[in-house]
Amino acid sequence: MNGPEMTNAVQDALEHLYDVRYLQRHALASEVCTAGLAETWGEELHNRLKTAIDRLCPPAGTPAHLLAWRSHRYLTLRYIHALTVHQVASELGITERHCRRIHRQAIADLVPLLSLHEAVEIPRRDDHEPSNNGELLAKELDEVGTSGDLPSTAESTVRGVIQTLDALACNAQVTISLAESFDGDLMVERMLTRQILLNLLLHVIGSQQGERVTLNAHEDRGWIRLDVVVDTADWNAPVVLSEQSDEHLSIARHLADVRGGNLKVTPRGNGRHFMVTLPPSRSRTVLLIDDNLDFLRFLRR
């Protein structure tokens, strides 16, 4: 591929980061993945994209306000956390126009790290730094932005996750819906909740054991409780709990643990029940009074 073709291919692959089946037949896969392992190119391309974004992370000790973080933070929010451009702009406290400028530079920074035909020197992380995806995501939740994880309603957060995985779920014939008792007004930590649910649902979709998934959110004795209930497609198939070897489930459990919560997996009828318990959202309310709407929007960001 020439330069523009490679840039466009990387852009398209990032847009489908969580659709491994799409990545399996992507033009970029044959360009950067290991020869002779074509049957696993989708998974390899997914991992290579995430690893390349990780490699954009500045060395340990780099002050959080420096521009060295810009490409890494943008790509993490936009593709790892699967936020919209509007949401990324809000997280970073910048305009959407500025986001688009950062986007072009971030893709340009990422492309060389994906090529097997170039010798790219990547600084090694210190031994005490996170070495797996779960620890990296937990680190990102603490590092991205100066204001920390922002609170959001459970409904907007969960519906955003469902929209992100809609095409992938349809291809796997998995139906995802909200329970009748779903408390949409419950306040949750947006990025933390998104990542936990993204990884839980990716685990369910990837296991090909479920065709009906019901999501629920409610308050339980002052704590936030998220329930993911899975009914198996094959009623005669045994339920195999392989969470120890499943990367997505391990990441979801790790993210719950680092926030002082927990994730439990139990059999439920012919399926499984994932129960996530998290401490209350650390939200704060500030009253702003001004007749300049743009100024209020600026302060909200």
C-alpha atoms as a PDB file:
ATOM      1  CA  MET A   1       0.000   0.000   0.000  1.00  0.00           C
ATOM      2  CA  ASN A   2       1.124   3.557  -0.615  1.00  0.00           C
ATOM      3  CA  GLY A   3       0.922   6.231   2.074  1.00  0.00           C
ATOM      4  CA  PRO A   4      -2.693   7.425   1.557  1.00  0.00           C
ATOM      5  CA  GLU A   5      -3.955   3.864   1.067  1.00  0.00           C
ATOM      6  CA  MET A   6      -2.307   2.757   4.317  1.00  0.00           C
ATOM      7  CA  THR A   7      -3.761   5.725   6.199  1.00  0.00           C
ATOM      8  CA  ASN A   8      -7.268   5.003   4.898  1.00  0.00           C
ATOM      9  CA  ALA A   9      -6.918   1.315   5.710  1.00  0.00           C
ATOM     10  CA  VAL A  10      -5.820   2.035   9.287  1.00  0.00           C
ATOM     11  CA  GLN A  11      -8.701   4.465   9.696  1.00  0.00           C
ATOM     12  CA  ASP A  12     -11.233   1.883   8.498  1.00  0.00           C
ATOM     13  CA  ALA A  13      -9.761  -0.883  10.645  1.00  0.00           C
ATOM     14  CA  LEU A  14      -9.969   1.316  13.745  1.00  0.00           C
ATOM     15  CA  GLU A  15     -13.631   2.025  12.985  1.00  0.00           C
ATOM     16  CA  HIS A  16     -14.215  -1.753  13.157  1.00  0.00           C
ATOM     17  CA  LEU A  17     -11.790  -2.482  16.014  1.00  0.00           C
ATOM     18  CA  TYR A  18     -14.218  -4.737  17.883  1.00  0.00           C
ATOM     19  CA  ASP A  19     -15.507  -6.572  14.797  1.00  0.00           C
ATOM     20  CA  VAL A  20     -12.909  -9.345  14.459  1.00  0.00           C
ATOM     21  CA  ARG A  21     -14.797 -10.978  11.598  1.00  0.00           C
ATOM     22  CA  TYR A  22     -14.580  -7.763   9.588  1.00  0.00           C
ATOM     23  CA  LEU A  23     -10.866  -7.416  10.396  1.00  0.00           C
ATOM     24  CA  GLN A  24     -10.264 -11.024   9.322  1.00  0.00           C
ATOM     25  CA  ARG A  25     -10.802 -10.110   5.655  1.00  0.00           C
ATOM     26  CA  HIS A  26      -9.500  -6.533   5.887  1.00  0.00           C
ATOM     27  CA  ALA A  27      -6.877  -5.404   3.389  1.00  0.00           C
ATOM     28  CA  LEU A  28      -4.698  -4.177   6.249  1.00  0.00           C
ATOM     29  CA  ALA A  29      -4.519  -7.698   7.709  1.00  0.00           C
ATOM     30  CA  SER A  30      -2.586  -9.077   4.758  1.00  0.00           C
ATOM     31  CA  GLU A  31      -0.306  -6.034   4.932  1.00  0.00           C
ATOM     32  CA  VAL A  32       0.762  -6.195   8.590  1.00  0.00           C
ATOM     33  CA  CYS A  33      -0.157  -9.614  10.004  1.00  0.00           C
ATOM     34  CA  THR A  34       2.109 -12.652  10.216  1.00  0.00           C
ATOM     35  CA  ALA A  35       2.330 -14.719   7.036  1.00  0.00           C
ATOM     36  CA  GLY A  36       0.997 -18.289   7.251  1.00  0.00           C
ATOM     37  CA  LEU A  37      -1.566 -17.574   9.979  1.00  0.00           C
ATOM     38  CA  ALA A  38      -4.392 -16.172   7.849  1.00  0.00           C
ATOM     39  CA  GLU A  39      -7.070 -17.929   9.912  1.00  0.00           C
ATOM     40  CA  THR A  40      -6.198 -15.713  12.898  1.00  0.00           C
ATOM     41  CA  TRP A  41      -5.572 -12.448  11.064  1.00  0.00           C
ATOM     42  CA  GLY A  42      -8.709 -10.784  12.462  1.00  0.00           C
ATOM     43  CA  GLU A  43      -7.681 -11.333  16.055  1.00  0.00           C
ATOM     44  CA  GLU A  44      -4.052 -10.471  15.299  1.00  0.00           C
ATOM     45  CA  LEU A  45      -4.994  -7.201  13.583  1.00  0.00           C
ATOM     46  CA  HIS A  46      -7.239  -6.290  16.530  1.00  0.00           C
ATOM     47  CA  ASN A  47      -4.354  -6.890  18.935  1.00  0.00           C
ATOM     48  CA  ARG A  48      -1.791  -5.098  16.743  1.00  0.00           C
ATOM     49  CA  LEU A  49      -3.987  -1.979  16.568  1.00  0.00           C
ATOM     50  CA  LYS A  50      -4.425  -1.921  20.347  1.00  0.00           C
ATOM     51  CA  THR A  51      -0.710  -2.560  20.897  1.00  0.00           C
ATOM     52  CA  ALA A  52       0.247   0.244  18.488  1.00  0.00           C
ATOM     53  CA  ILE A  53      -1.979   2.672  20.399  1.00  0.00           C
ATOM     54  CA  ASP A  54      -0.339   1.501  23.620  1.00  0.00           C
ATOM     55  CA  ARG A  55       3.098   2.180  22.123  1.00  0.00           C
ATOM     56  CA  LEU A  56       2.153   5.816  21.585  1.00  0.00           C
ATOM     57  CA  CYS A  57       1.999   6.185  25.364  1.00  0.00           C
ATOM     58  CA  PRO A  58       4.810   8.544  26.537  1.00  0.00           C
ATOM     59  CA  PRO A  59       7.452   7.263  28.963  1.00  0.00           C
ATOM     60  CA  ALA A  60       6.598   6.973  32.645  1.00  0.00           C
ATOM     61  CA  GLY A  61       6.771  10.277  34.459  1.00  0.00           C
ATOM     62  CA  THR A  62       5.765  12.429  31.471  1.00  0.00           C
ATOM     63  CA  PRO A  63       3.629  15.304  32.871  1.00  0.00           C
ATOM     64  CA  ALA A  64      -0.048  14.779  32.048  1.00  0.00           C
ATOM     65  CA  HIS A  65      -0.500  18.232  30.477  1.00  0.00           C
ATOM     66  CA  LEU A  66       2.177  17.854  27.769  1.00  0.00           C
ATOM     67  CA  LEU A  67       1.272  17.419  24.073  1.00  0.00           C
ATOM     68  CA  ALA A  68       3.192  14.132  24.044  1.00  0.00           C
ATOM     69  CA  TRP A  69       0.026  12.514  25.411  1.00  0.00           C
ATOM     70  CA  ARG A  70      -2.265  13.915  22.706  1.00  0.00           C
ATOM     71  CA  SER A  71      -2.298  11.154  20.054  1.00  0.00           C
ATOM     72  CA  HIS A  72      -2.356   8.365  22.630  1.00  0.00           C
ATOM     73  CA  ARG A  73      -5.220   9.887  24.607  1.00  0.00           C
ATOM     74  CA  TYR A  74      -7.257  10.692  21.521  1.00  0.00           C
ATOM     75  CA  LEU A  75      -6.957   7.202  20.000  1.00  0.00           C
ATOM     76  CA  THR A  76      -7.656   5.561  23.361  1.00  0.00           C
ATOM     77  CA  LEU A  77     -10.836   7.546  23.894  1.00  0.00           C
ATOM     78  CA  ARG A  78     -12.020   7.387  20.282  1.00  0.00           C
ATOM     79  CA  TYR A  79     -11.365   3.708  19.559  1.00  0.00           C
ATOM     80  CA  ILE A  80     -10.440   1.739  22.698  1.00  0.00           C
ATOM     81  CA  HIS A  81     -13.255   3.369  24.705  1.00  0.00           C
ATOM     82  CA  ALA A  82     -15.358   3.739  21.501  1.00  0.00           C
ATOM     83  CA  LEU A  83     -16.513   7.306  22.217  1.00  0.00           C
ATOM     84  CA  THR A  84     -17.951   9.633  19.583  1.00  0.00           C
ATOM     85  CA  VAL A  85     -16.003  12.698  18.414  1.00  0.00           C
ATOM     86  CA  HIS A  86     -18.377  14.885  20.436  1.00  0.00           C
ATOM     87  CA  GLN A  87     -17.736  12.821  23.573  1.00  0.00           C
ATOM     88  CA  VAL A  88     -13.962  12.877  23.029  1.00  0.00           C
ATOM     89  CA  ALA A  89     -14.056  16.673  22.669  1.00  0.00           C
ATOM     90  CA  SER A  90     -15.952  16.897  25.958  1.00  0.00           C
ATOM     91  CA  GLU A  91     -13.494  14.580  27.719  1.00  0.00           C
ATOM     92  CA  LEU A  92     -10.464  16.546  26.506  1.00  0.00           C
ATOM     93  CA  GLY A  93     -12.082  19.973  26.937  1.00  0.00           C
ATOM     94  CA  ILE A  94     -11.516  21.012  23.311  1.00  0.00           C
ATOM     95  CA  THR A  95     -13.663  21.774  20.263  1.00  0.00           C
ATOM     96  CA  GLU A  96     -14.719  19.122  17.754  1.00  0.00           C
ATOM     97  CA  ARG A  97     -12.751  21.014  15.095  1.00  0.00           C
ATOM     98  CA  HIS A  98      -9.626  20.685  17.230  1.00  0.00           C
ATOM     99  CA  CYS A  99     -10.436  16.976  17.638  1.00  0.00           C
ATOM    100  CA  ARG A 100     -10.405  16.506  13.885  1.00  0.00           C
ATOM    101  CA  ARG A 101      -6.944  18.074  13.671  1.00  0.00           C
ATOM    102  CA  ILE A 102      -5.678  15.769  16.422  1.00  0.00           C
ATOM    103  CA  HIS A 103      -7.276  12.839  14.610  1.00  0.00           C
ATOM    104  CA  ARG A 104      -5.212  13.349  11.456  1.00  0.00           C
ATOM    105  CA  GLN A 105      -1.982  13.608  13.421  1.00  0.00           C
ATOM    106  CA  ALA A 106      -2.829  10.611  15.616  1.00  0.00           C
ATOM    107  CA  ILE A 107      -3.449   8.360  12.607  1.00  0.00           C
ATOM    108  CA  ALA A 108      -0.181   9.566  11.044  1.00  0.00           C
ATOM    109  CA  ASP A 109       1.637   8.711  14.296  1.00  0.00           C
ATOM    110  CA  LEU A 110       0.048   5.275  14.426  1.00  0.00           C
ATOM    111  CA  VAL A 111       0.717   4.084  10.856  1.00  0.00           C
ATOM    112  CA  PRO A 112       4.517   3.496  11.209  1.00  0.00           C
ATOM    113  CA  LEU A 113       3.926   1.358  14.311  1.00  0.00           C
ATOM    114  CA  LEU A 114       1.798  -1.100  12.341  1.00  0.00           C
ATOM    115  CA  SER A 115       4.274  -1.832   9.565  1.00  0.00           C
ATOM    116  CA  LEU A 116       6.345  -5.007   9.714  1.00  0.00           C
ATOM    117  CA  HIS A 117       8.574  -3.647   6.946  1.00  0.00           C
ATOM    118  CA  GLU A 118      10.007  -0.787   8.951  1.00  0.00           C
ATOM    119  CA  ALA A 119      12.343  -0.971  11.915  1.00  0.00           C
ATOM    120  CA  VAL A 120      10.498   1.114  14.490  1.00  0.00           C
ATOM    121  CA  GLU A 121      12.252   1.593  17.796  1.00  0.00           C
ATOM    122  CA  ILE A 122       9.727   1.423  20.617  1.00  0.00           C
ATOM    123  CA  PRO A 123      10.791   2.551  24.111  1.00  0.00           C
ATOM    124  CA  ARG A 124      10.431  -0.269  26.616  1.00  0.00           C
ATOM    125  CA  ARG A 125       8.150   0.208  29.612  1.00  0.00           C
ATOM    126  CA  ASP A 126       9.539   0.018  33.110  1.00  0.00           C
ATOM    127  CA  ASP A 127       8.939  -3.305  34.875  1.00  0.00           C
ATOM    128  CA  HIS A 128       6.470  -1.715  37.295  1.00  0.00           C
ATOM    129  CA  GLU A 129       4.232  -0.414  34.537  1.00  0.00           C
ATOM    130  CA  PRO A 130       1.125  -2.290  33.396  1.00  0.00           C
ATOM    131  CA  SER A 131       1.943  -5.227  31.168  1.00  0.00           C
ATOM    132  CA  ASN A 132      -1.512  -6.426  30.111  1.00  0.00           C
ATOM    133  CA  ASN A 133      -4.592  -4.876  28.523  1.00  0.00           C
ATOM    134  CA  GLY A 134      -6.634  -4.879  31.738  1.00  0.00           C
ATOM    135  CA  GLU A 135      -3.992  -2.979  33.683  1.00  0.00           C
ATOM    136  CA  LEU A 136      -3.489  -0.602  30.749  1.00  0.00           C
ATOM    137  CA  LEU A 137      -7.205   0.253  30.615  1.00  0.00           C
ATOM    138  CA  ALA A 138      -7.297   0.750  34.370  1.00  0.00           C
ATOM    139  CA  LYS A 139      -4.302   3.067  34.060  1.00  0.00           C
ATOM    140  CA  GLU A 140      -6.066   5.005  31.297  1.00  0.00           C
ATOM    141  CA  LEU A 141      -9.113   5.586  33.482  1.00  0.00           C
ATOM    142  CA  ASP A 142      -6.855   7.348  35.981  1.00  0.00           C
ATOM    143  CA  GLU A 143      -4.714   9.242  33.464  1.00  0.00           C
ATOM    144  CA  VAL A 144      -7.012  10.457  30.662  1.00  0.00           C
ATOM    145  CA  GLY A 145      -8.081  14.029  31.319  1.00  0.00           C
ATOM    146  CA  THR A 146      -7.469  16.041  34.450  1.00  0.00           C
ATOM    147  CA  SER A 147     -11.014  15.718  35.806  1.00  0.00           C
ATOM    148  CA  GLY A 148     -11.147  11.920  35.922  1.00  0.00           C
ATOM    149  CA  ASP A 149     -13.986   9.683  34.806  1.00  0.00           C
ATOM    150  CA  LEU A 150     -17.173  11.651  34.248  1.00  0.00           C
ATOM    151  CA  PRO A 151     -20.596  10.553  35.535  1.00  0.00           C
ATOM    152  CA  SER A 152     -23.382   9.759  33.093  1.00  0.00           C
ATOM    153  CA  THR A 153     -26.805   8.144  33.200  1.00  0.00           C
ATOM    154  CA  ALA A 154     -26.899   4.371  32.987  1.00  0.00           C
ATOM    155  CA  GLU A 155     -29.260   4.532  30.011  1.00  0.00           C
ATOM    156  CA  SER A 156     -27.053   6.735  27.815  1.00  0.00           C
ATOM    157  CA  THR A 157     -23.954   4.739  28.749  1.00  0.00           C
ATOM    158  CA  VAL A 158     -25.463   1.301  28.154  1.00  0.00           C
ATOM    159  CA  ARG A 159     -27.241   2.283  24.938  1.00  0.00           C
ATOM    160  CA  GLY A 160     -23.924   3.632  23.662  1.00  0.00           C
ATOM    161  CA  VAL A 161     -22.304   0.243  24.307  1.00  0.00           C
ATOM    162  CA  ILE A 162     -25.136  -1.578  22.518  1.00  0.00           C
ATOM    163  CA  GLN A 163     -24.801   0.763  19.530  1.00  0.00           C
ATOM    164  CA  THR A 164     -21.034   0.188  19.370  1.00  0.00           C
ATOM    165  CA  LEU A 165     -21.484  -3.601  19.236  1.00  0.00           C
ATOM    166  CA  ASP A 166     -24.682  -3.625  17.147  1.00  0.00           C
ATOM    167  CA  ALA A 167     -23.159  -4.902  13.882  1.00  0.00           C
ATOM    168  CA  LEU A 168     -20.975  -7.476  15.647  1.00  0.00           C
ATOM    169  CA  ALA A 169     -23.923  -8.776  17.697  1.00  0.00           C
ATOM    170  CA  CYS A 170     -26.138  -9.046  14.605  1.00  0.00           C
ATOM    171  CA  ASN A 171     -23.479 -11.053  12.759  1.00  0.00           C
ATOM    172  CA  ALA A 172     -23.285 -13.444  15.725  1.00  0.00           C
ATOM    173  CA  GLN A 173     -27.107 -13.596  15.967  1.00  0.00           C
ATOM    174  CA  VAL A 174     -27.024 -12.174  19.475  1.00  0.00           C
ATOM    175  CA  THR A 175     -29.922  -9.980  20.620  1.00  0.00           C
ATOM    176  CA  ILE A 176     -29.154  -7.445  23.362  1.00  0.00           C
ATOM    177  CA  SER A 177     -31.973  -5.702  25.223  1.00  0.00           C
ATOM    178  CA  LEU A 178     -32.671  -3.805  28.445  1.00  0.00           C
ATOM    179  CA  ALA A 179     -34.596  -5.368  31.312  1.00  0.00           C
ATOM    180  CA  GLU A 180     -37.999  -3.927  32.225  1.00  0.00           C
ATOM    181  CA  SER A 181     -36.635  -2.935  35.650  1.00  0.00           C
ATOM    182  CA  PHE A 182     -33.627  -1.115  34.127  1.00  0.00           C
ATOM    183  CA  ASP A 183     -32.947   2.120  36.083  1.00  0.00           C
ATOM    184  CA  GLY A 184     -31.909   4.462  33.280  1.00  0.00           C
ATOM    185  CA  ASP A 185     -31.565   7.463  35.613  1.00  0.00           C
ATOM    186  CA  LEU A 186     -28.903   5.791  37.749  1.00  0.00           C
ATOM    187  CA  MET A 187     -25.610   7.725  37.584  1.00  0.00           C
ATOM    188  CA  VAL A 188     -22.526   5.679  36.657  1.00  0.00           C
ATOM    189  CA  GLU A 189     -18.883   6.357  35.790  1.00  0.00           C
ATOM    190  CA  ARG A 190     -19.121   6.499  32.016  1.00  0.00           C
ATOM    191  CA  MET A 191     -15.798   5.150  30.731  1.00  0.00           C
ATOM    192  CA  LEU A 192     -15.447   2.545  33.475  1.00  0.00           C
ATOM    193  CA  THR A 193     -18.964   1.224  32.887  1.00  0.00           C
ATOM    194  CA  ARG A 194     -18.501   1.267  29.095  1.00  0.00           C
ATOM    195  CA  GLN A 195     -15.296  -0.756  29.259  1.00  0.00           C
ATOM    196  CA  ILE A 196     -16.697  -3.332  31.666  1.00  0.00           C
ATOM    197  CA  LEU A 197     -19.822  -3.860  29.560  1.00  0.00           C
ATOM    198  CA  LEU A 198     -17.906  -3.791  26.258  1.00  0.00           C
ATOM    199  CA  ASN A 199     -15.619  -6.554  27.452  1.00  0.00           C
ATOM    200  CA  LEU A 200     -18.407  -8.626  29.019  1.00  0.00           C
ATOM    201  CA  LEU A 201     -20.474  -8.463  25.826  1.00  0.00           C
ATOM    202  CA  LEU A 202     -17.445  -9.201  23.641  1.00  0.00           C
ATOM    203  CA  HIS A 203     -16.873 -12.285  25.791  1.00  0.00           C
ATOM    204  CA  VAL A 204     -20.492 -13.364  25.324  1.00  0.00           C
ATOM    205  CA  ILE A 205     -20.515 -12.706  21.578  1.00  0.00           C
ATOM    206  CA  GLY A 206     -17.154 -14.413  21.099  1.00  0.00           C
ATOM    207  CA  SER A 207     -18.182 -17.522  23.041  1.00  0.00           C
ATOM    208  CA  GLN A 208     -21.128 -18.080  20.654  1.00  0.00           C
ATOM    209  CA  GLN A 209     -23.089 -19.571  23.557  1.00  0.00           C
ATOM    210  CA  GLY A 210     -25.814 -16.960  23.760  1.00  0.00           C
ATOM    211  CA  GLU A 211     -28.432 -15.492  21.506  1.00  0.00           C
ATOM    212  CA  ARG A 212     -30.408 -13.452  24.051  1.00  0.00           C
ATOM    213  CA  VAL A 213     -28.686 -11.028  26.408  1.00  0.00           C
ATOM    214  CA  THR A 214     -30.560  -8.870  28.927  1.00  0.00           C
ATOM    215  CA  LEU A 215     -28.886  -5.895  30.620  1.00  0.00           C
ATOM    216  CA  ASN A 216     -30.051  -4.436  33.904  1.00  0.00           C
ATOM    217  CA  ALA A 217     -28.841  -1.610  36.161  1.00  0.00           C
ATOM    218  CA  HIS A 218     -30.118  -0.619  39.576  1.00  0.00           C
ATOM    219  CA  GLU A 219     -28.995   0.510  43.006  1.00  0.00           C
ATOM    220  CA  ASP A 220     -28.310  -2.200  45.562  1.00  0.00           C
ATOM    221  CA  ARG A 221     -27.804  -1.004  49.153  1.00  0.00           C
ATOM    222  CA  GLY A 222     -26.094   2.182  47.963  1.00  0.00           C
ATOM    223  CA  TRP A 223     -23.921   0.411  45.386  1.00  0.00           C
ATOM    224  CA  ILE A 224     -24.355   0.222  41.613  1.00  0.00           C
ATOM    225  CA  ARG A 225     -25.259  -3.210  40.292  1.00  0.00           C
ATOM    226  CA  LEU A 226     -25.027  -4.213  36.628  1.00  0.00           C
ATOM    227  CA  ASP A 227     -26.512  -7.539  35.515  1.00  0.00           C
ATOM    228  CA  VAL A 228     -25.797  -9.256  32.200  1.00  0.00           C
ATOM    229  CA  VAL A 229     -28.040 -12.307  31.825  1.00  0.00           C
ATOM    230  CA  VAL A 230     -27.327 -14.686  28.930  1.00  0.00           C
ATOM    231  CA  ASP A 231     -29.665 -17.367  27.566  1.00  0.00           C
ATOM    232  CA  THR A 232     -27.852 -19.999  25.523  1.00  0.00           C
ATOM    233  CA  ALA A 233     -28.733 -20.646  21.897  1.00  0.00           C
ATOM    234  CA  ASP A 234     -28.307 -24.412  22.292  1.00  0.00           C
ATOM    235  CA  TRP A 235     -30.481 -25.490  25.189  1.00  0.00           C
ATOM    236  CA  ASN A 236     -28.688 -28.844  25.414  1.00  0.00           C
ATOM    237  CA  ALA A 237     -25.163 -27.394  25.427  1.00  0.00           C
ATOM    238  CA  PRO A 238     -23.304 -27.409  28.761  1.00  0.00           C
ATOM    239  CA  VAL A 239     -22.265 -24.015  30.143  1.00  0.00           C
ATOM    240  CA  VAL A 240     -18.478 -23.773  30.235  1.00  0.00           C
ATOM    241  CA  LEU A 241     -17.090 -21.036  32.483  1.00  0.00           C
ATOM    242  CA  SER A 242     -13.631 -20.290  31.109  1.00  0.00           C
ATOM    243  CA  GLU A 243     -13.132 -16.835  32.590  1.00  0.00           C
ATOM    244  CA  GLN A 244      -9.567 -17.583  33.672  1.00  0.00           C
ATOM    245  CA  SER A 245      -8.442 -17.937  30.060  1.00  0.00           C
ATOM    246  CA  ASP A 246     -10.720 -15.347  28.505  1.00  0.00           C
ATOM    247  CA  GLU A 247      -9.028 -11.989  27.956  1.00  0.00           C
ATOM    248  CA  HIS A 248     -12.185  -9.900  27.731  1.00  0.00           C
ATOM    249  CA  LEU A 249     -13.657 -11.358  30.898  1.00  0.00           C
ATOM    250  CA  SER A 250     -10.334 -10.915  32.705  1.00  0.00           C
ATOM    251  CA  ILE A 251     -10.242  -7.235  31.695  1.00  0.00           C
ATOM    252  CA  ALA A 252     -13.807  -6.655  32.906  1.00  0.00           C
ATOM    253  CA  ARG A 253     -13.001  -8.314  36.245  1.00  0.00           C
ATOM    254  CA  HIS A 254      -9.785  -6.299  36.618  1.00  0.00           C
ATOM    255  CA  LEU A 255     -11.557  -2.982  35.941  1.00  0.00           C
ATOM    256  CA  ALA A 256     -14.215  -3.803  38.531  1.00  0.00           C
ATOM    257  CA  ASP A 257     -11.546  -4.774  41.060  1.00  0.00           C
ATOM    258  CA  VAL A 258      -9.495  -1.587  40.696  1.00  0.00           C
ATOM    259  CA  ARG A 259     -12.593   0.491  41.507  1.00  0.00           C
ATOM    260  CA  GLY A 260     -13.277  -1.488  44.668  1.00  0.00           C
ATOM    261  CA  GLY A 261     -16.063  -3.563  43.100  1.00  0.00           C
ATOM    262  CA  ASN A 262     -16.307  -7.125  41.898  1.00  0.00           C
ATOM    263  CA  LEU A 263     -17.553  -9.338  39.068  1.00  0.00           C
ATOM    264  CA  LYS A 264     -19.236 -12.675  39.683  1.00  0.00           C
ATOM    265  CA  VAL A 265     -20.164 -15.291  37.069  1.00  0.00           C
ATOM    266  CA  THR A 266     -22.772 -17.918  37.941  1.00  0.00           C
ATOM    267  CA  PRO A 267     -24.876 -20.435  35.987  1.00  0.00           C
ATOM    268  CA  ARG A 268     -28.484 -19.340  35.504  1.00  0.00           C
ATOM    269  CA  GLY A 269     -30.911 -21.844  34.041  1.00  0.00           C
ATOM    270  CA  ASN A 270     -29.574 -22.634  30.574  1.00  0.00           C
ATOM    271  CA  GLY A 271     -27.238 -19.648  30.510  1.00  0.00           C
ATOM    272  CA  ARG A 272     -25.046 -17.463  32.653  1.00  0.00           C
ATOM    273  CA  HIS A 273     -25.416 -14.459  34.925  1.00  0.00           C
ATOM    274  CA  PHE A 274     -22.654 -11.823  35.113  1.00  0.00           C
ATOM    275  CA  MET A 275     -23.139  -9.564  38.128  1.00  0.00           C
ATOM    276  CA  VAL A 276     -20.978  -6.443  38.453  1.00  0.00           C
ATOM    277  CA  THR A 277     -21.043  -4.457  41.694  1.00  0.00           C
ATOM    278  CA  LEU A 278     -19.432  -1.010  41.767  1.00  0.00           C
ATOM    279  CA  PRO A 279     -19.207   1.799  44.344  1.00  0.00           C
ATOM    280  CA  PRO A 280     -21.484   4.812  43.754  1.00  0.00           C
ATOM    281  CA  SER A 281     -20.533   7.269  40.996  1.00  0.00           C
ATOM    282  CA  ARG A 282     -18.216   9.976  42.272  1.00  0.00           C
ATOM    283  CA  SER A 283     -20.371  12.751  40.838  1.00  0.00           C
ATOM    284  CA  ARG A 284     -20.353  16.377  41.896  1.00  0.00           C
ATOM    285  CA  THR A 285     -22.887  19.078  41.074  1.00  0.00           C
ATOM    286  CA  VAL A 286     -21.948  22.708  40.433  1.00  0.00           C
ATOM    287  CA  LEU A 287     -24.611  25.394  39.874  1.00  0.00           C
ATOM    288  CA  LEU A 288     -23.708  27.772  37.020  1.00  0.00           C
ATOM    289  CA  ILE A 289     -25.781  30.888  36.290  1.00  0.00           C
ATOM    290  CA  ASP A 290     -25.002  32.968  33.206  1.00  0.00           C
ATOM    291  CA  ASP A 291     -26.903  34.274  30.177  1.00  0.00           C
ATOM    292  CA  ASN A 292     -24.086  33.262  27.778  1.00  0.00           C
ATOM    293  CA  LEU A 293     -24.835  29.717  26.605  1.00  0.00           C
ATOM    294  CA  ASP A 294     -21.406  29.283  24.975  1.00  0.00           C
ATOM    295  CA  PHE A 295     -19.717  30.209  28.246  1.00  0.00           C
ATOM    296  CA  LEU A 296     -21.800  27.615  30.116  1.00  0.00           C
ATOM    297  CA  ARG A 297     -20.848  24.960  27.566  1.00  0.00           C
ATOM    298  CA  PHE A 298     -17.193  25.887  27.981  1.00  0.00           C
ATOM    299  CA  LEU A 299     -17.394  25.532  31.767  1.00  0.00           C
ATOM    300  CA  ARG A 300     -19.232  22.189  31.426  1.00  0.00           C
ATOM    301  CA  ARG A 301     -16.334  20.825  29.328  1.00  0.00           C
END
